[in-house]
Amino acid sequence: MRIFLFFVLIFLFSSIEATGGEADVVGVEVVTDGSGSYRFNVSVSHEDTGWKHYADRWEVLDPDGSVLGTRTLLHPHVDEQPFTRSLSGVKIPESVTEVSIRAHDSVHEYGGLVIRKRLP
């Protein structure tokens, strides 16, 4: 019986760290400087629980899935949800007219809401 309780407790405590779910992109603003370089203002929602489970980056992808830019998030945003961060200087080829923005978290990796955005 003690062994069973031990495993139940391990399961419960490991589940507590993973309750944050997947990171969702909930808003995107794209601004161009007119020379093929863009700034992305991206809002991410994720139930960050601390350093072991938080949204740790978001990425801009071309239609083929190649990463055009990455914004690394250096700390959890436990008390700031959703939060918005920017990435400037993203070079995008003229042939690309639409991008996707996805978020990543330290436990589930990818899988949350992705926003597709037509470039201005």
Protein backbone atom coordinates (compact mmCIF):
# COMPACT_ATOMS: atom_id res chain seq x y z
CA MET A 1 0.00 0.00 0.00
CA ARG A 2 2.84 2.40 0.81
CA ILE A 3 4.40 1.87 -2.60
CA PHE A 4 1.08 2.67 -4.27
CA LEU A 5 0.73 5.89 -2.25
CA PHE A 6 4.31 6.81 -3.09
CA PHE A 7 3.60 6.58 -6.84
CA VAL A 8 0.34 8.49 -6.48
CA LEU A 9 2.19 11.32 -4.72
CA ILE A 10 4.90 11.37 -7.39
CA PHE A 11 2.23 11.57 -10.09
CA LEU A 12 0.39 14.39 -8.31
CA PHE A 13 3.51 16.49 -7.74
CA SER A 14 4.76 16.00 -11.30
CA SER A 15 1.33 17.02 -12.62
CA ILE A 16 1.37 20.25 -10.65
CA GLU A 17 4.40 21.48 -12.62
CA ALA A 18 2.77 20.63 -15.96
CA THR A 19 -0.56 22.36 -15.46
CA GLY A 20 0.40 25.40 -17.54
CA GLY A 21 -0.77 23.90 -20.82
CA GLU A 22 0.62 24.96 -24.18
CA ALA A 23 1.70 28.47 -25.13
CA ASP A 24 -0.78 30.30 -27.39
CA VAL A 25 -0.11 33.21 -29.71
CA VAL A 26 -3.11 35.49 -29.13
CA GLY A 27 -2.12 38.62 -31.04
CA VAL A 28 0.29 39.80 -33.73
CA GLU A 29 1.12 43.22 -35.12
CA VAL A 30 3.54 43.45 -38.06
CA VAL A 31 5.32 46.67 -39.02
CA THR A 32 7.63 47.05 -42.02
CA ASP A 33 10.42 49.53 -42.61
CA GLY A 34 9.90 49.21 -46.37
CA SER A 35 13.20 47.47 -47.09
CA GLY A 36 12.24 43.86 -46.38
CA SER A 37 12.83 44.12 -42.65
CA TYR A 38 9.93 43.73 -40.20
CA ARG A 39 9.12 44.23 -36.53
CA PHE A 40 6.75 41.75 -34.90
CA ASN A 41 4.82 42.65 -31.74
CA VAL A 42 3.50 39.31 -30.48
CA SER A 43 1.17 38.58 -27.56
CA VAL A 44 1.48 35.19 -25.91
CA SER A 45 -0.79 33.58 -23.34
CA HIS A 46 0.46 30.72 -21.16
CA GLU A 47 -0.18 29.73 -17.57
CA ASP A 48 3.45 30.07 -16.52
CA THR A 49 4.03 28.32 -13.21
CA GLY A 50 7.67 29.32 -12.71
CA TRP A 51 11.11 28.45 -14.04
CA LYS A 52 10.25 24.79 -14.69
CA HIS A 53 7.26 25.58 -16.94
CA TYR A 54 6.99 28.83 -18.86
CA ALA A 55 6.65 30.21 -22.39
CA ASP A 56 10.30 30.54 -23.40
CA ARG A 57 10.16 31.78 -27.01
CA TRP A 58 8.10 32.55 -30.08
CA GLU A 59 9.04 32.19 -33.73
CA VAL A 60 8.18 33.65 -37.12
CA LEU A 61 7.97 31.00 -39.86
CA ASP A 62 7.63 31.15 -43.63
CA PRO A 63 4.96 29.03 -45.39
CA ASP A 64 7.43 26.13 -45.71
CA GLY A 65 8.06 26.10 -41.94
CA SER A 66 11.53 27.66 -42.04
CA VAL A 67 12.23 29.87 -39.03
CA LEU A 68 12.76 33.50 -40.07
CA GLY A 69 13.12 34.94 -36.58
CA THR A 70 13.07 33.89 -32.93
CA ARG A 71 12.30 35.97 -29.84
CA THR A 72 13.71 34.27 -26.76
CA LEU A 73 11.83 34.92 -23.52
CA LEU A 74 14.33 34.92 -20.67
CA HIS A 75 12.02 34.51 -17.67
CA PRO A 76 8.54 33.35 -16.63
CA HIS A 77 5.60 35.77 -16.83
CA VAL A 78 3.59 34.33 -13.95
CA ASP A 79 1.79 37.59 -13.09
CA GLU A 80 1.68 39.14 -16.59
CA GLN A 81 -0.76 37.33 -18.88
CA PRO A 82 -1.07 37.66 -21.74
CA PHE A 83 2.20 39.49 -22.40
CA THR A 84 3.55 41.20 -25.51
CA ARG A 85 7.15 41.26 -26.69
CA SER A 86 8.73 42.57 -29.90
CA LEU A 87 11.35 41.37 -32.34
CA SER A 88 12.83 43.82 -34.84
CA GLY A 89 15.02 43.35 -37.89
CA VAL A 90 13.37 40.19 -39.20
CA LYS A 91 14.45 39.85 -42.85
CA ILE A 92 11.77 38.28 -45.04
CA PRO A 93 12.24 37.49 -48.74
CA GLU A 94 9.99 39.43 -51.14
CA SER A 95 8.43 36.15 -52.32
CA VAL A 96 6.97 35.52 -48.84
CA THR A 97 3.62 37.25 -48.37
CA GLU A 98 2.34 35.43 -45.28
CA VAL A 99 4.00 34.12 -42.12
CA SER A 100 2.98 32.04 -39.12
CA ILE A 101 3.85 32.88 -35.54
CA ARG A 102 4.03 30.08 -32.98
CA ALA A 103 4.99 29.99 -29.32
CA HIS A 104 7.02 27.40 -27.43
CA ASP A 105 7.00 26.45 -23.77
CA SER A 106 9.60 24.63 -21.71
CA VAL A 107 7.43 21.54 -21.07
CA HIS A 108 5.05 20.97 -23.99
CA GLU A 109 7.26 22.62 -26.63
CA TYR A 110 4.89 23.48 -29.54
CA GLY A 111 1.19 22.81 -29.97
CA GLY A 112 -0.65 25.92 -28.86
CA LEU A 113 -2.52 28.42 -31.02
CA VAL A 114 -0.64 29.66 -34.10
CA ILE A 115 -1.51 32.88 -35.92
CA ARG A 116 -1.03 33.27 -39.65
CA LYS A 117 -0.48 36.85 -40.72
CA ARG A 118 -0.37 38.50 -44.13
CA LEU A 119 2.57 40.89 -44.42
CA PRO A 120 1.85 44.60 -44.95
